[in-house]
Amino acid sequence: MANQESNPTDDITSAAPNEPGGKQLHPDFVFAADGFDIWWKKTFAQHTAMVAQASALMRTHRCVSLARDETRIGQAL
């Protein structure tokens, strides 16, 4: 028992049955990485657009609120 060692590479090799050499990487790893890059850029662009729209909405809301408050102050005088 004292001589038993855990070798992580043995676990990886045994986790891939029926594959010579226990290869774990997807055969089209480069394509998978490209797909992730496309997904990430698309998601980032969508989030950026959403933040820009929210910012414009908040700016408009502030302007309308200020104009409404000035109208109320003018009516009170």
PDB file of N, CA and C in Angstrom:
ATOM      1  N   MET A   1       0.810  -1.189   0.000  1.00  0.00           N
ATOM      2  CA  MET A   1       0.000   0.000   0.000  1.00  0.00           C
ATOM      3  C   MET A   1       0.853   1.252   0.000  1.00  0.00           C
ATOM      4  N   ALA A   2       2.007   1.217   0.675  1.00  0.00           N
ATOM      5  CA  ALA A   2       2.854   2.394   0.751  1.00  0.00           C
ATOM      6  C   ALA A   2       3.461   2.732  -0.603  1.00  0.00           C
ATOM      7  N   ASN A   3       3.625   1.754  -1.478  1.00  0.00           N
ATOM      8  CA  ASN A   3       4.223   1.997  -2.783  1.00  0.00           C
ATOM      9  C   ASN A   3       3.210   2.407  -3.854  1.00  0.00           C
ATOM     10  N   GLN A   4       1.932   2.391  -3.524  1.00  0.00           N
ATOM     11  CA  GLN A   4       0.944   2.789  -4.515  1.00  0.00           C
ATOM     12  C   GLN A   4       1.040   4.287  -4.755  1.00  0.00           C
ATOM     13  N   GLU A   5       1.126   4.651  -6.018  1.00  0.00           N
ATOM     14  CA  GLU A   5       1.178   6.060  -6.388  1.00  0.00           C
ATOM     15  C   GLU A   5       0.035   6.353  -7.335  1.00  0.00           C
ATOM     16  N   SER A   6      -0.465   7.538  -7.238  1.00  0.00           N
ATOM     17  CA  SER A   6      -1.532   7.954  -8.144  1.00  0.00           C
ATOM     18  C   SER A   6      -0.893   8.738  -9.279  1.00  0.00           C
ATOM     19  N   ASN A   7      -1.118   8.283 -10.480  1.00  0.00           N
ATOM     20  CA  ASN A   7      -0.570   8.959 -11.650  1.00  0.00           C
ATOM     21  C   ASN A   7      -1.736   9.533 -12.453  1.00  0.00           C
ATOM     22  N   PRO A   8      -1.861  10.871 -12.506  1.00  0.00           N
ATOM     23  CA  PRO A   8      -2.993  11.470 -13.197  1.00  0.00           C
ATOM     24  C   PRO A   8      -3.061  11.091 -14.679  1.00  0.00           C
ATOM     25  N   THR A   9      -1.923  10.838 -15.316  1.00  0.00           N
ATOM     26  CA  THR A   9      -1.956  10.477 -16.734  1.00  0.00           C
ATOM     27  C   THR A   9      -2.585   9.111 -16.935  1.00  0.00           C
ATOM     28  N   ASP A  10      -2.446   8.196 -15.958  1.00  0.00           N
ATOM     29  CA  ASP A  10      -3.103   6.898 -16.059  1.00  0.00           C
ATOM     30  C   ASP A  10      -4.620   7.065 -16.017  1.00  0.00           C
ATOM     31  N   ASP A  11      -5.098   7.995 -15.195  1.00  0.00           N
ATOM     32  CA  ASP A  11      -6.537   8.242 -15.108  1.00  0.00           C
ATOM     33  C   ASP A  11      -7.073   8.777 -16.430  1.00  0.00           C
ATOM     34  N   ILE A  12      -6.333   9.680 -17.051  1.00  0.00           N
ATOM     35  CA  ILE A  12      -6.752  10.251 -18.330  1.00  0.00           C
ATOM     36  C   ILE A  12      -6.780   9.178 -19.404  1.00  0.00           C
ATOM     37  N   THR A  13      -5.758   8.341 -19.428  1.00  0.00           N
ATOM     38  CA  THR A  13      -5.681   7.292 -20.437  1.00  0.00           C
ATOM     39  C   THR A  13      -6.827   6.311 -20.271  1.00  0.00           C
ATOM     40  N   SER A  14      -7.151   5.950 -19.040  1.00  0.00           N
ATOM     41  CA  SER A  14      -8.205   4.979 -18.816  1.00  0.00           C
ATOM     42  C   SER A  14      -9.587   5.591 -19.031  1.00  0.00           C
ATOM     43  N   ALA A  15      -9.685   6.917 -19.028  1.00  0.00           N
ATOM     44  CA  ALA A  15     -10.972   7.574 -19.214  1.00  0.00           C
ATOM     45  C   ALA A  15     -11.409   7.579 -20.668  1.00  0.00           C
ATOM     46  N   ALA A  16     -10.526   7.222 -21.580  1.00  0.00           N
ATOM     47  CA  ALA A  16     -10.852   7.240 -22.999  1.00  0.00           C
ATOM     48  C   ALA A  16     -10.796   5.834 -23.563  1.00  0.00           C
ATOM     49  N   PRO A  17     -11.833   5.060 -23.380  1.00  0.00           N
ATOM     50  CA  PRO A  17     -11.809   3.696 -23.887  1.00  0.00           C
ATOM     51  C   PRO A  17     -11.867   3.670 -25.409  1.00  0.00           C
ATOM     52  N   ASN A  18     -11.289   2.643 -25.984  1.00  0.00           N
ATOM     53  CA  ASN A  18     -11.309   2.399 -27.427  1.00  0.00           C
ATOM     54  C   ASN A  18     -10.566   3.449 -28.248  1.00  0.00           C
ATOM     55  N   GLU A  19      -9.747   4.246 -27.615  1.00  0.00           N
ATOM     56  CA  GLU A  19      -8.940   5.203 -28.369  1.00  0.00           C
ATOM     57  C   GLU A  19      -7.479   4.849 -28.172  1.00  0.00           C
ATOM     58  N   PRO A  20      -6.738   4.708 -29.262  1.00  0.00           N
ATOM     59  CA  PRO A  20      -5.316   4.387 -29.111  1.00  0.00           C
ATOM     60  C   PRO A  20      -4.568   5.512 -28.402  1.00  0.00           C
ATOM     61  N   GLY A  21      -3.830   5.163 -27.406  1.00  0.00           N
ATOM     62  CA  GLY A  21      -3.026   6.156 -26.684  1.00  0.00           C
ATOM     63  C   GLY A  21      -3.836   7.003 -25.726  1.00  0.00           C
ATOM     64  N   GLY A  22      -5.123   6.767 -25.602  1.00  0.00           N
ATOM     65  CA  GLY A  22      -5.947   7.529 -24.674  1.00  0.00           C
ATOM     66  C   GLY A  22      -6.064   8.994 -25.038  1.00  0.00           C
ATOM     67  N   LYS A  23      -6.104   9.326 -26.307  1.00  0.00           N
ATOM     68  CA  LYS A  23      -6.193  10.727 -26.745  1.00  0.00           C
ATOM     69  C   LYS A  23      -7.500  11.343 -26.240  1.00  0.00           C
ATOM     70  N   GLN A  24      -7.399  12.468 -25.549  1.00  0.00           N
ATOM     71  CA  GLN A  24      -8.565  13.099 -24.941  1.00  0.00           C
ATOM     72  C   GLN A  24      -9.055  14.324 -25.712  1.00  0.00           C
ATOM     73  N   LEU A  25      -8.219  14.961 -26.492  1.00  0.00           N
ATOM     74  CA  LEU A  25      -8.604  16.189 -27.179  1.00  0.00           C
ATOM     75  C   LEU A  25      -9.569  15.902 -28.320  1.00  0.00           C
ATOM     76  N   HIS A  26     -10.457  16.820 -28.526  1.00  0.00           N
ATOM     77  CA  HIS A  26     -11.383  16.723 -29.649  1.00  0.00           C
ATOM     78  C   HIS A  26     -10.554  16.760 -30.929  1.00  0.00           C
ATOM     79  N   PRO A  27     -10.882  15.929 -31.915  1.00  0.00           N
ATOM     80  CA  PRO A  27     -10.069  15.906 -33.136  1.00  0.00           C
ATOM     81  C   PRO A  27     -10.054  17.258 -33.854  1.00  0.00           C
ATOM     82  N   ASP A  28     -11.122  17.997 -33.720  1.00  0.00           N
ATOM     83  CA  ASP A  28     -11.184  19.313 -34.361  1.00  0.00           C
ATOM     84  C   ASP A  28     -11.052  20.409 -33.312  1.00  0.00           C
ATOM     85  N   PHE A  29     -10.041  20.295 -32.468  1.00  0.00           N
ATOM     86  CA  PHE A  29      -9.855  21.240 -31.363  1.00  0.00           C
ATOM     87  C   PHE A  29      -9.758  22.673 -31.864  1.00  0.00           C
ATOM     88  N   VAL A  30      -9.067  22.881 -32.980  1.00  0.00           N
ATOM     89  CA  VAL A  30      -8.919  24.231 -33.526  1.00  0.00           C
ATOM     90  C   VAL A  30     -10.280  24.781 -33.927  1.00  0.00           C
ATOM     91  N   PHE A  31     -11.113  23.934 -34.524  1.00  0.00           N
ATOM     92  CA  PHE A  31     -12.441  24.387 -34.917  1.00  0.00           C
ATOM     93  C   PHE A  31     -13.301  24.697 -33.692  1.00  0.00           C
ATOM     94  N   ALA A  32     -13.144  23.911 -32.653  1.00  0.00           N
ATOM     95  CA  ALA A  32     -13.885  24.167 -31.420  1.00  0.00           C
ATOM     96  C   ALA A  32     -13.444  25.500 -30.812  1.00  0.00           C
ATOM     97  N   ALA A  33     -12.154  25.776 -30.832  1.00  0.00           N
ATOM     98  CA  ALA A  33     -11.644  27.039 -30.305  1.00  0.00           C
ATOM     99  C   ALA A  33     -12.153  28.205 -31.149  1.00  0.00           C
ATOM    100  N   ASP A  34     -12.197  28.027 -32.467  1.00  0.00           N
ATOM    101  CA  ASP A  34     -12.728  29.077 -33.344  1.00  0.00           C
ATOM    102  C   ASP A  34     -14.204  29.316 -33.057  1.00  0.00           C
ATOM    103  N   GLY A  35     -14.938  28.238 -32.829  1.00  0.00           N
ATOM    104  CA  GLY A  35     -16.357  28.365 -32.501  1.00  0.00           C
ATOM    105  C   GLY A  35     -16.565  29.132 -31.215  1.00  0.00           C
ATOM    106  N   PHE A  36     -15.702  28.875 -30.224  1.00  0.00           N
ATOM    107  CA  PHE A  36     -15.800  29.616 -28.957  1.00  0.00           C
ATOM    108  C   PHE A  36     -15.508  31.096 -29.186  1.00  0.00           C
ATOM    109  N   ASP A  37     -14.491  31.396 -29.977  1.00  0.00           N
ATOM    110  CA  ASP A  37     -14.162  32.796 -30.263  1.00  0.00           C
ATOM    111  C   ASP A  37     -15.335  33.511 -30.927  1.00  0.00           C
ATOM    112  N   ILE A  38     -15.983  32.833 -31.870  1.00  0.00           N
ATOM    113  CA  ILE A  38     -17.131  33.434 -32.549  1.00  0.00           C
ATOM    114  C   ILE A  38     -18.253  33.680 -31.542  1.00  0.00           C
ATOM    115  N   TRP A  39     -18.530  32.664 -30.706  1.00  0.00           N
ATOM    116  CA  TRP A  39     -19.573  32.813 -29.696  1.00  0.00           C
ATOM    117  C   TRP A  39     -19.250  33.964 -28.750  1.00  0.00           C
ATOM    118  N   TRP A  40     -17.994  34.050 -28.304  1.00  0.00           N
ATOM    119  CA  TRP A  40     -17.604  35.088 -27.352  1.00  0.00           C
ATOM    120  C   TRP A  40     -17.741  36.472 -27.968  1.00  0.00           C
ATOM    121  N   LYS A  41     -17.290  36.640 -29.203  1.00  0.00           N
ATOM    122  CA  LYS A  41     -17.388  37.956 -29.855  1.00  0.00           C
ATOM    123  C   LYS A  41     -18.840  38.357 -30.070  1.00  0.00           C
ATOM    124  N   LYS A  42     -19.680  37.396 -30.455  1.00  0.00           N
ATOM    125  CA  LYS A  42     -21.100  37.677 -30.657  1.00  0.00           C
ATOM    126  C   LYS A  42     -21.758  38.062 -29.335  1.00  0.00           C
ATOM    127  N   THR A  43     -21.475  37.307 -28.283  1.00  0.00           N
ATOM    128  CA  THR A  43     -22.046  37.601 -26.970  1.00  0.00           C
ATOM    129  C   THR A  43     -21.579  38.954 -26.467  1.00  0.00           C
ATOM    130  N   PHE A  44     -20.299  39.248 -26.630  1.00  0.00           N
ATOM    131  CA  PHE A  44     -19.757  40.542 -26.197  1.00  0.00           C
ATOM    132  C   PHE A  44     -20.425  41.681 -26.954  1.00  0.00           C
ATOM    133  N   ALA A  45     -20.610  41.510 -28.272  1.00  0.00           N
ATOM    134  CA  ALA A  45     -21.252  42.545 -29.083  1.00  0.00           C
ATOM    135  C   ALA A  45     -22.703  42.760 -28.647  1.00  0.00           C
ATOM    136  N   GLN A  46     -23.410  41.667 -28.352  1.00  0.00           N
ATOM    137  CA  GLN A  46     -24.795  41.794 -27.894  1.00  0.00           C
ATOM    138  C   GLN A  46     -24.870  42.510 -26.557  1.00  0.00           C
ATOM    139  N   HIS A  47     -23.985  42.172 -25.647  1.00  0.00           N
ATOM    140  CA  HIS A  47     -23.984  42.821 -24.330  1.00  0.00           C
ATOM    141  C   HIS A  47     -23.610  44.292 -24.452  1.00  0.00           C
ATOM    142  N   THR A  48     -22.656  44.599 -25.329  1.00  0.00           N
ATOM    143  CA  THR A  48     -22.258  45.990 -25.542  1.00  0.00           C
ATOM    144  C   THR A  48     -23.428  46.799 -26.091  1.00  0.00           C
ATOM    145  N   ALA A  49     -24.157  46.222 -27.043  1.00  0.00           N
ATOM    146  CA  ALA A  49     -25.316  46.906 -27.613  1.00  0.00           C
ATOM    147  C   ALA A  49     -26.395  47.125 -26.551  1.00  0.00           C
ATOM    148  N   MET A  50     -26.605  46.130 -25.693  1.00  0.00           N
ATOM    149  CA  MET A  50     -27.605  46.250 -24.643  1.00  0.00           C
ATOM    150  C   MET A  50     -27.230  47.354 -23.656  1.00  0.00           C
ATOM    151  N   VAL A  51     -25.964  47.444 -23.303  1.00  0.00           N
ATOM    152  CA  VAL A  51     -25.508  48.491 -22.380  1.00  0.00           C
ATOM    153  C   VAL A  51     -25.665  49.868 -23.020  1.00  0.00           C
ATOM    154  N   ALA A  52     -25.367  49.976 -24.313  1.00  0.00           N
ATOM    155  CA  ALA A  52     -25.538  51.257 -25.008  1.00  0.00           C
ATOM    156  C   ALA A  52     -27.005  51.665 -25.034  1.00  0.00           C
ATOM    157  N   GLN A  53     -27.897  50.715 -25.276  1.00  0.00           N
ATOM    158  CA  GLN A  53     -29.328  51.020 -25.282  1.00  0.00           C
ATOM    159  C   GLN A  53     -29.811  51.428 -23.890  1.00  0.00           C
ATOM    160  N   ALA A  54     -29.351  50.734 -22.878  1.00  0.00           N
ATOM    161  CA  ALA A  54     -29.739  51.075 -21.507  1.00  0.00           C
ATOM    162  C   ALA A  54     -29.227  52.460 -21.128  1.00  0.00           C
ATOM    163  N   SER A  55     -28.019  52.774 -21.554  1.00  0.00           N
ATOM    164  CA  SER A  55     -27.453  54.091 -21.271  1.00  0.00           C
ATOM    165  C   SER A  55     -28.266  55.192 -21.945  1.00  0.00           C
ATOM    166  N   ALA A  56     -28.638  54.970 -23.202  1.00  0.00           N
ATOM    167  CA  ALA A  56     -29.449  55.960 -23.927  1.00  0.00           C
ATOM    168  C   ALA A  56     -30.815  56.121 -23.264  1.00  0.00           C
ATOM    169  N   LEU A  57     -31.400  55.026 -22.815  1.00  0.00           N
ATOM    170  CA  LEU A  57     -32.692  55.080 -22.134  1.00  0.00           C
ATOM    171  C   LEU A  57     -32.594  55.868 -20.836  1.00  0.00           C
ATOM    172  N   MET A  58     -31.525  55.639 -20.087  1.00  0.00           N
ATOM    173  CA  MET A  58     -31.354  56.374 -18.827  1.00  0.00           C
ATOM    174  C   MET A  58     -31.131  57.861 -19.074  1.00  0.00           C
ATOM    175  N   ARG A  59     -30.356  58.184 -20.116  1.00  0.00           N
ATOM    176  CA  ARG A  59     -30.144  59.597 -20.456  1.00  0.00           C
ATOM    177  C   ARG A  59     -31.474  60.273 -20.806  1.00  0.00           C
ATOM    178  N   THR A  60     -32.283  59.598 -21.606  1.00  0.00           N
ATOM    179  CA  THR A  60     -33.581  60.148 -21.991  1.00  0.00           C
ATOM    180  C   THR A  60     -34.480  60.301 -20.773  1.00  0.00           C
ATOM    181  N   HIS A  61     -34.469  59.329 -19.913  1.00  0.00           N
ATOM    182  CA  HIS A  61     -35.286  59.386 -18.695  1.00  0.00           C
ATOM    183  C   HIS A  61     -34.881  60.571 -17.823  1.00  0.00           C
ATOM    184  N   ARG A  62     -33.572  60.786 -17.686  1.00  0.00           N
ATOM    185  CA  ARG A  62     -33.096  61.925 -16.884  1.00  0.00           C
ATOM    186  C   ARG A  62     -33.543  63.250 -17.487  1.00  0.00           C
ATOM    187  N   CYS A  63     -33.426  63.366 -18.818  1.00  0.00           N
ATOM    188  CA  CYS A  63     -33.824  64.614 -19.485  1.00  0.00           C
ATOM    189  C   CYS A  63     -35.312  64.871 -19.309  1.00  0.00           C
ATOM    190  N   VAL A  64     -36.121  63.837 -19.460  1.00  0.00           N
ATOM    191  CA  VAL A  64     -37.574  63.993 -19.306  1.00  0.00           C
ATOM    192  C   VAL A  64     -37.906  64.338 -17.858  1.00  0.00           C
ATOM    193  N   SER A  65     -37.246  63.686 -16.925  1.00  0.00           N
ATOM    194  CA  SER A  65     -37.506  63.962 -15.508  1.00  0.00           C
ATOM    195  C   SER A  65     -37.137  65.394 -15.152  1.00  0.00           C
ATOM    196  N   LEU A  66     -36.010  65.863 -15.649  1.00  0.00           N
ATOM    197  CA  LEU A  66     -35.592  67.245 -15.381  1.00  0.00           C
ATOM    198  C   LEU A  66     -36.584  68.232 -15.983  1.00  0.00           C
ATOM    199  N   ALA A  67     -37.007  67.990 -17.212  1.00  0.00           N
ATOM    200  CA  ALA A  67     -37.952  68.889 -17.862  1.00  0.00           C
ATOM    201  C   ALA A  67     -39.277  68.905 -17.108  1.00  0.00           C
ATOM    202  N   ARG A  68     -39.740  67.752 -16.636  1.00  0.00           N
ATOM    203  CA  ARG A  68     -40.992  67.667 -15.892  1.00  0.00           C
ATOM    204  C   ARG A  68     -40.856  68.411 -14.564  1.00  0.00           C
ATOM    205  N   ASP A  69     -39.708  68.279 -13.893  1.00  0.00           N
ATOM    206  CA  ASP A  69     -39.493  68.971 -12.622  1.00  0.00           C
ATOM    207  C   ASP A  69     -39.448  70.475 -12.820  1.00  0.00           C
ATOM    208  N   GLU A  70     -38.837  70.943 -13.893  1.00  0.00           N
ATOM    209  CA  GLU A  70     -38.777  72.383 -14.173  1.00  0.00           C
ATOM    210  C   GLU A  70     -40.167  72.921 -14.460  1.00  0.00           C
ATOM    211  N   THR A  71     -41.001  72.134 -15.128  1.00  0.00           N
ATOM    212  CA  THR A  71     -42.375  72.553 -15.417  1.00  0.00           C
ATOM    213  C   THR A  71     -43.151  72.683 -14.121  1.00  0.00           C
ATOM    214  N   ARG A  72     -42.980  71.737 -13.206  1.00  0.00           N
ATOM    215  CA  ARG A  72     -43.680  71.796 -11.923  1.00  0.00           C
ATOM    216  C   ARG A  72     -43.237  73.014 -11.112  1.00  0.00           C
ATOM    217  N   ILE A  73     -41.953  73.310 -11.140  1.00  0.00           N
ATOM    218  CA  ILE A  73     -41.425  74.468 -10.392  1.00  0.00           C
ATOM    219  C   ILE A  73     -41.984  75.760 -10.994  1.00  0.00           C
ATOM    220  N   GLY A  74     -42.029  75.824 -12.321  1.00  0.00           N
ATOM    221  CA  GLY A  74     -42.573  77.004 -12.994  1.00  0.00           C
ATOM    222  C   GLY A  74     -44.058  77.199 -12.687  1.00  0.00           C
ATOM    223  N   GLN A  75     -44.823  76.141 -12.580  1.00  0.00           N
ATOM    224  CA  GLN A  75     -46.242  76.222 -12.288  1.00  0.00           C
ATOM    225  C   GLN A  75     -46.488  76.633 -10.832  1.00  0.00           C
ATOM    226  N   ALA A  76     -45.567  76.271  -9.940  1.00  0.00           N
ATOM    227  CA  ALA A  76     -45.730  76.571  -8.521  1.00  0.00           C
ATOM    228  C   ALA A  76     -45.505  78.064  -8.243  1.00  0.00           C
ATOM    229  N   LEU A  77     -44.761  78.736  -9.087  1.00  0.00           N
ATOM    230  CA  LEU A  77     -44.469  80.153  -8.856  1.00  0.00           C
ATOM    231  C   LEU A  77     -45.661  80.943  -9.258  1.00  0.00           C
TER     232      LEU A  77
END
